Amino acid sequence: TLFKEKGSPVTSVSCTVRGHAKNEVNEQSNRPGVSCNPLSQARQLIAEGVDFAIQVGLCLGHDILFTKEFSGDQTVFVVKDRRFAHSPLEGIPAAEQAFLTENTNKT
C-alpha cells in the first residue's frame, strides 16, 4: 500500500472481530454470517498501540460507534453505502469517467 511504501505502519482489523452470529443478535434473522463489531475494532487497534486511524468502509452508524470508542486521532477516508453494494470505492472510477466526459464535451 501507499502507506507502507512511505514507511508508515499499517494495521487492519476486520469489521467482524469478536462479532456474534447474526441470529444471536437478532433471533428473527435468517441471514448467515457474523455481525460487525465496531467497538471491538476500536479496542483491538488501541490494544495494538495504534495512535492514528483512517476509517475505510465502515457503515454509517458503525463509524459513529468506532469514533466514540477509539482514543487516538482519526479521520474518515470513505463511508460504506448501498449504492455500490457496500463497495464505495467502486464508484470512484465511475465518477472520474463522468467528470472527464462532462468536461470534455464543454468545448
N, C-alpha and C. Protein backbone atom coordinates (compact mmCIF):
# COMPACT_ATOMS: atom_id res chain seq x y z
N THR A 1 0.83 -1.20 0.00
CA THR A 1 0.00 0.00 0.00
C THR A 1 0.87 1.25 0.00
N LEU A 2 0.27 2.34 -0.31
CA LEU A 2 0.97 3.62 -0.33
C LEU A 2 1.57 3.94 1.04
N PHE A 3 0.82 3.67 2.09
CA PHE A 3 1.31 3.97 3.44
C PHE A 3 2.55 3.16 3.76
N LYS A 4 2.53 1.87 3.44
CA LYS A 4 3.69 1.02 3.69
C LYS A 4 4.89 1.47 2.86
N GLU A 5 4.64 1.84 1.60
CA GLU A 5 5.72 2.31 0.74
C GLU A 5 6.40 3.56 1.30
N LYS A 6 5.64 4.38 2.01
CA LYS A 6 6.18 5.61 2.60
C LYS A 6 6.72 5.38 4.01
N GLY A 7 6.72 4.12 4.46
CA GLY A 7 7.29 3.79 5.76
C GLY A 7 6.34 3.87 6.94
N SER A 8 5.06 4.03 6.70
CA SER A 8 4.09 4.08 7.79
C SER A 8 3.59 2.68 8.10
N PRO A 9 3.52 2.32 9.38
CA PRO A 9 2.98 1.01 9.72
C PRO A 9 1.47 0.97 9.44
N VAL A 10 0.99 -0.17 9.01
CA VAL A 10 -0.43 -0.35 8.70
C VAL A 10 -0.97 -1.52 9.52
N THR A 11 -2.07 -1.30 10.21
CA THR A 11 -2.75 -2.34 10.96
C THR A 11 -4.19 -2.37 10.49
N SER A 12 -4.65 -3.54 10.08
CA SER A 12 -6.04 -3.69 9.64
C SER A 12 -6.79 -4.57 10.63
N VAL A 13 -8.04 -4.23 10.86
CA VAL A 13 -8.89 -5.02 11.75
C VAL A 13 -10.21 -5.27 11.03
N SER A 14 -10.59 -6.52 10.91
CA SER A 14 -11.85 -6.89 10.27
C SER A 14 -13.03 -6.32 11.04
N CYS A 15 -14.08 -5.97 10.32
CA CYS A 15 -15.27 -5.42 10.98
C CYS A 15 -15.96 -6.46 11.87
N THR A 16 -15.66 -7.73 11.66
CA THR A 16 -16.34 -8.78 12.43
C THR A 16 -15.51 -9.27 13.61
N VAL A 17 -14.42 -8.58 13.96
CA VAL A 17 -13.60 -9.01 15.08
C VAL A 17 -14.46 -9.10 16.34
N ARG A 18 -14.41 -10.27 16.96
CA ARG A 18 -15.21 -10.57 18.16
C ARG A 18 -16.71 -10.30 17.95
N GLY A 19 -17.18 -10.48 16.73
CA GLY A 19 -18.60 -10.31 16.42
C GLY A 19 -19.40 -11.53 16.85
N HIS A 20 -20.69 -11.46 16.69
CA HIS A 20 -21.59 -12.55 17.05
C HIS A 20 -22.36 -12.99 15.81
N ALA A 21 -22.79 -14.23 15.80
CA ALA A 21 -23.62 -14.70 14.69
C ALA A 21 -24.85 -13.80 14.61
N LYS A 22 -25.25 -13.49 13.39
CA LYS A 22 -26.37 -12.55 13.19
C LYS A 22 -27.64 -13.01 13.88
N ASN A 23 -27.88 -14.33 13.91
CA ASN A 23 -29.09 -14.81 14.57
C ASN A 23 -28.98 -14.76 16.10
N GLU A 24 -27.78 -14.56 16.65
CA GLU A 24 -27.63 -14.34 18.09
C GLU A 24 -28.01 -12.90 18.45
N VAL A 25 -27.73 -11.98 17.55
CA VAL A 25 -28.04 -10.57 17.78
C VAL A 25 -29.52 -10.32 17.52
N ASN A 26 -30.06 -10.96 16.49
CA ASN A 26 -31.46 -10.81 16.10
C ASN A 26 -32.01 -12.21 15.84
N GLU A 27 -32.77 -12.73 16.79
CA GLU A 27 -33.28 -14.10 16.69
C GLU A 27 -34.13 -14.33 15.45
N GLN A 28 -34.72 -13.28 14.90
CA GLN A 28 -35.57 -13.42 13.72
C GLN A 28 -34.77 -13.40 12.42
N SER A 29 -33.47 -13.15 12.52
CA SER A 29 -32.64 -13.09 11.32
C SER A 29 -32.37 -14.49 10.79
N ASN A 30 -32.49 -14.64 9.49
CA ASN A 30 -32.13 -15.90 8.86
C ASN A 30 -30.92 -15.71 7.95
N ARG A 31 -30.24 -14.60 8.12
CA ARG A 31 -29.06 -14.30 7.31
C ARG A 31 -27.84 -14.99 7.93
N PRO A 32 -27.04 -15.62 7.10
CA PRO A 32 -25.81 -16.24 7.62
C PRO A 32 -24.76 -15.17 7.88
N GLY A 33 -23.76 -15.53 8.63
CA GLY A 33 -22.63 -14.62 8.82
C GLY A 33 -22.53 -14.07 10.23
N VAL A 34 -21.55 -13.22 10.40
CA VAL A 34 -21.23 -12.63 11.69
C VAL A 34 -21.50 -11.13 11.62
N SER A 35 -22.04 -10.60 12.70
CA SER A 35 -22.33 -9.16 12.74
C SER A 35 -21.04 -8.36 12.91
N CYS A 36 -21.07 -7.14 12.44
CA CYS A 36 -19.93 -6.23 12.61
C CYS A 36 -19.84 -5.81 14.08
N ASN A 37 -18.64 -5.46 14.50
CA ASN A 37 -18.44 -5.05 15.88
C ASN A 37 -17.46 -3.87 15.92
N PRO A 38 -17.93 -2.66 15.63
CA PRO A 38 -17.03 -1.51 15.58
C PRO A 38 -16.38 -1.18 16.91
N LEU A 39 -17.03 -1.51 18.02
CA LEU A 39 -16.42 -1.27 19.33
C LEU A 39 -15.18 -2.15 19.51
N SER A 40 -15.29 -3.41 19.11
CA SER A 40 -14.13 -4.31 19.20
C SER A 40 -13.05 -3.92 18.21
N GLN A 41 -13.43 -3.39 17.05
CA GLN A 41 -12.42 -2.90 16.11
C GLN A 41 -11.58 -1.81 16.78
N ALA A 42 -12.23 -0.86 17.40
CA ALA A 42 -11.52 0.23 18.07
C ALA A 42 -10.65 -0.30 19.20
N ARG A 43 -11.19 -1.20 20.00
CA ARG A 43 -10.44 -1.75 21.13
C ARG A 43 -9.22 -2.54 20.66
N GLN A 44 -9.36 -3.26 19.56
CA GLN A 44 -8.23 -4.02 19.01
C GLN A 44 -7.12 -3.08 18.55
N LEU A 45 -7.48 -2.00 17.89
CA LEU A 45 -6.47 -1.04 17.45
C LEU A 45 -5.77 -0.38 18.64
N ILE A 46 -6.53 -0.06 19.67
CA ILE A 46 -5.94 0.51 20.89
C ILE A 46 -4.97 -0.49 21.51
N ALA A 47 -5.38 -1.76 21.59
CA ALA A 47 -4.53 -2.81 22.17
C ALA A 47 -3.24 -2.98 21.38
N GLU A 48 -3.28 -2.72 20.08
CA GLU A 48 -2.09 -2.85 19.24
C GLU A 48 -1.26 -1.57 19.21
N GLY A 49 -1.67 -0.56 19.96
CA GLY A 49 -0.89 0.66 20.08
C GLY A 49 -1.05 1.63 18.92
N VAL A 50 -2.11 1.50 18.17
CA VAL A 50 -2.36 2.41 17.05
C VAL A 50 -2.76 3.78 17.60
N ASP A 51 -2.12 4.83 17.10
CA ASP A 51 -2.45 6.17 17.59
C ASP A 51 -3.14 7.04 16.55
N PHE A 52 -3.25 6.55 15.32
CA PHE A 52 -3.96 7.29 14.27
C PHE A 52 -4.68 6.28 13.38
N ALA A 53 -5.98 6.44 13.23
CA ALA A 53 -6.79 5.50 12.44
C ALA A 53 -7.42 6.22 11.26
N ILE A 54 -7.41 5.54 10.13
CA ILE A 54 -8.10 6.01 8.93
C ILE A 54 -9.23 5.03 8.67
N GLN A 55 -10.46 5.49 8.83
CA GLN A 55 -11.61 4.62 8.61
C GLN A 55 -11.84 4.44 7.11
N VAL A 56 -11.96 3.19 6.72
CA VAL A 56 -12.24 2.87 5.31
C VAL A 56 -13.40 1.89 5.28
N GLY A 57 -14.53 2.33 4.79
CA GLY A 57 -15.65 1.44 4.54
C GLY A 57 -16.49 1.03 5.73
N LEU A 58 -16.45 1.78 6.83
CA LEU A 58 -17.36 1.46 7.92
C LEU A 58 -18.76 1.96 7.55
N CYS A 59 -19.76 1.22 7.96
CA CYS A 59 -21.14 1.65 7.72
C CYS A 59 -21.45 2.89 8.54
N LEU A 60 -22.35 3.71 8.03
CA LEU A 60 -22.82 4.86 8.78
C LEU A 60 -23.49 4.33 10.05
N GLY A 61 -23.16 4.86 11.15
CA GLY A 61 -23.64 4.35 12.44
C GLY A 61 -22.53 3.57 13.12
N HIS A 62 -21.96 2.61 12.40
CA HIS A 62 -20.82 1.88 12.93
C HIS A 62 -19.63 2.82 13.07
N ASP A 63 -19.49 3.75 12.12
CA ASP A 63 -18.40 4.72 12.21
C ASP A 63 -18.55 5.61 13.43
N ILE A 64 -19.78 5.90 13.81
CA ILE A 64 -20.02 6.73 15.00
C ILE A 64 -19.59 5.99 16.26
N LEU A 65 -19.94 4.71 16.34
CA LEU A 65 -19.53 3.90 17.50
C LEU A 65 -18.02 3.77 17.56
N PHE A 66 -17.39 3.52 16.41
CA PHE A 66 -15.94 3.40 16.36
C PHE A 66 -15.29 4.70 16.84
N THR A 67 -15.77 5.83 16.33
CA THR A 67 -15.22 7.14 16.67
C THR A 67 -15.31 7.40 18.17
N LYS A 68 -16.42 7.02 18.77
CA LYS A 68 -16.60 7.24 20.20
C LYS A 68 -15.64 6.37 21.01
N GLU A 69 -15.38 5.15 20.56
CA GLU A 69 -14.58 4.20 21.33
C GLU A 69 -13.08 4.37 21.14
N PHE A 70 -12.64 4.75 19.95
CA PHE A 70 -11.21 4.84 19.66
C PHE A 70 -10.62 6.09 20.31
N SER A 71 -9.52 5.92 21.04
CA SER A 71 -8.97 7.03 21.82
C SER A 71 -7.93 7.87 21.07
N GLY A 72 -7.46 7.38 19.94
CA GLY A 72 -6.45 8.13 19.19
C GLY A 72 -7.07 9.08 18.18
N ASP A 73 -6.20 9.75 17.45
CA ASP A 73 -6.66 10.61 16.37
C ASP A 73 -7.20 9.75 15.23
N GLN A 74 -8.11 10.32 14.46
CA GLN A 74 -8.69 9.54 13.36
C GLN A 74 -9.29 10.44 12.30
N THR A 75 -9.47 9.85 11.14
CA THR A 75 -10.14 10.53 10.04
C THR A 75 -10.90 9.48 9.24
N VAL A 76 -11.78 9.93 8.38
CA VAL A 76 -12.58 9.03 7.55
C VAL A 76 -12.14 9.20 6.10
N PHE A 77 -11.78 8.09 5.46
CA PHE A 77 -11.43 8.13 4.05
C PHE A 77 -12.66 7.91 3.18
N VAL A 78 -13.45 6.90 3.52
CA VAL A 78 -14.66 6.60 2.75
C VAL A 78 -15.65 5.85 3.64
N VAL A 79 -16.94 6.18 3.50
CA VAL A 79 -18.01 5.52 4.25
C VAL A 79 -18.72 4.56 3.33
N LYS A 80 -19.08 3.41 3.85
CA LYS A 80 -19.79 2.41 3.06
C LYS A 80 -21.18 2.90 2.69
N ASP A 81 -21.66 2.52 1.51
CA ASP A 81 -23.01 2.89 1.10
C ASP A 81 -23.64 1.74 0.32
N ARG A 82 -24.93 1.84 0.12
CA ARG A 82 -25.66 0.79 -0.60
C ARG A 82 -25.63 0.99 -2.11
N ARG A 83 -25.34 2.19 -2.56
CA ARG A 83 -25.34 2.48 -4.00
C ARG A 83 -24.41 1.56 -4.77
N PHE A 84 -23.26 1.28 -4.20
CA PHE A 84 -22.28 0.42 -4.86
C PHE A 84 -22.13 -0.91 -4.14
N ALA A 85 -23.24 -1.45 -3.63
CA ALA A 85 -23.27 -2.77 -2.99
C ALA A 85 -22.22 -2.86 -1.88
N HIS A 86 -22.16 -1.86 -1.04
CA HIS A 86 -21.22 -1.80 0.08
C HIS A 86 -19.77 -1.82 -0.36
N SER A 87 -19.50 -1.39 -1.58
CA SER A 87 -18.13 -1.26 -2.10
C SER A 87 -17.97 0.17 -2.61
N PRO A 88 -17.90 1.15 -1.70
CA PRO A 88 -17.94 2.55 -2.11
C PRO A 88 -16.80 2.97 -3.03
N LEU A 89 -15.66 2.32 -2.95
CA LEU A 89 -14.55 2.69 -3.82
C LEU A 89 -14.83 2.32 -5.27
N GLU A 90 -15.82 1.47 -5.52
CA GLU A 90 -16.20 1.12 -6.89
C GLU A 90 -16.72 2.35 -7.63
N GLY A 91 -17.25 3.31 -6.91
CA GLY A 91 -17.81 4.49 -7.54
C GLY A 91 -16.79 5.51 -7.98
N ILE A 92 -15.57 5.40 -7.51
CA ILE A 92 -14.55 6.40 -7.86
C ILE A 92 -14.22 6.39 -9.35
N PRO A 93 -13.93 5.24 -9.97
CA PRO A 93 -13.68 5.27 -11.41
C PRO A 93 -14.88 5.78 -12.21
N ALA A 94 -16.09 5.42 -11.79
CA ALA A 94 -17.29 5.88 -12.50
C ALA A 94 -17.43 7.39 -12.38
N ALA A 95 -17.18 7.93 -11.20
CA ALA A 95 -17.27 9.38 -11.01
C ALA A 95 -16.20 10.10 -11.81
N GLU A 96 -15.00 9.53 -11.83
CA GLU A 96 -13.92 10.15 -12.60
C GLU A 96 -14.26 10.17 -14.09
N GLN A 97 -14.80 9.06 -14.60
CA GLN A 97 -15.16 8.99 -16.01
C GLN A 97 -16.28 9.99 -16.34
N ALA A 98 -17.26 10.10 -15.46
CA ALA A 98 -18.35 11.05 -15.68
C ALA A 98 -17.82 12.48 -15.69
N PHE A 99 -16.90 12.79 -14.79
CA PHE A 99 -16.30 14.13 -14.74
C PHE A 99 -15.53 14.42 -16.02
N LEU A 100 -14.73 13.46 -16.47
CA LEU A 100 -13.95 13.66 -17.69
C LEU A 100 -14.85 13.84 -18.91
N THR A 101 -15.90 13.01 -19.00
CA THR A 101 -16.82 13.09 -20.12
C THR A 101 -17.54 14.44 -20.13
N GLU A 102 -18.01 14.85 -18.97
CA GLU A 102 -18.73 16.12 -18.86
C GLU A 102 -17.84 17.30 -19.25
N ASN A 103 -16.62 17.30 -18.79
CA ASN A 103 -15.72 18.43 -19.07
C ASN A 103 -15.12 18.39 -20.47
N THR A 104 -15.05 17.22 -21.08
CA THR A 104 -14.55 17.11 -22.45
C THR A 104 -15.56 17.66 -23.44
N ASN A 105 -16.83 17.51 -23.14
CA ASN A 105 -17.90 17.95 -24.05
C ASN A 105 -18.19 19.45 -23.96
N LYS A 106 -17.45 20.20 -23.17
CA LYS A 106 -17.71 21.64 -22.98
C LYS A 106 -16.84 22.50 -23.90
N THR A 107 -16.48 22.01 -25.06
CA THR A 107 -15.63 22.80 -25.97
C THR A 107 -16.43 23.73 -26.83
